[in-house]
Amino acid sequence: MNTLASFVKSRRKSIQLTQTEFAKRAGVALTVLRKIEQGKTNLSVEKVNLVLRMFGHELGGVDSRRLVLAVYAKCISIGLFRSFIWSFFTIK
């Protein structure tokens, strides 16, 4: 699974910027970027989005009902209906 921390860190490194350079360009404090890359969970959504926008992404809410329906439709289309039903009812 690609966590927010690993996503930001790997993308930042791929564009060859230090944490200091990246934080300045993103418009956030260096401590904010460090917290994100360390996987801290007490972050402001606005600050996280400032960082993510540097890569063309944004954090937002997800309607779980739509997500389940989208997964269901995809499973049906590729013939995995039984797998979908099994995984859906065994989620704890």
Foldseek 3Di string as FASTA:
>chain_A
DQAQLNVLVVVCVVVPDDLVRLCVVLVHDSVLNVCRNVPHDPHDQVSSQSSVVVVPDHDDDDDVVVVLVVVCVVCVVVVNNVVSVVVVVPDD
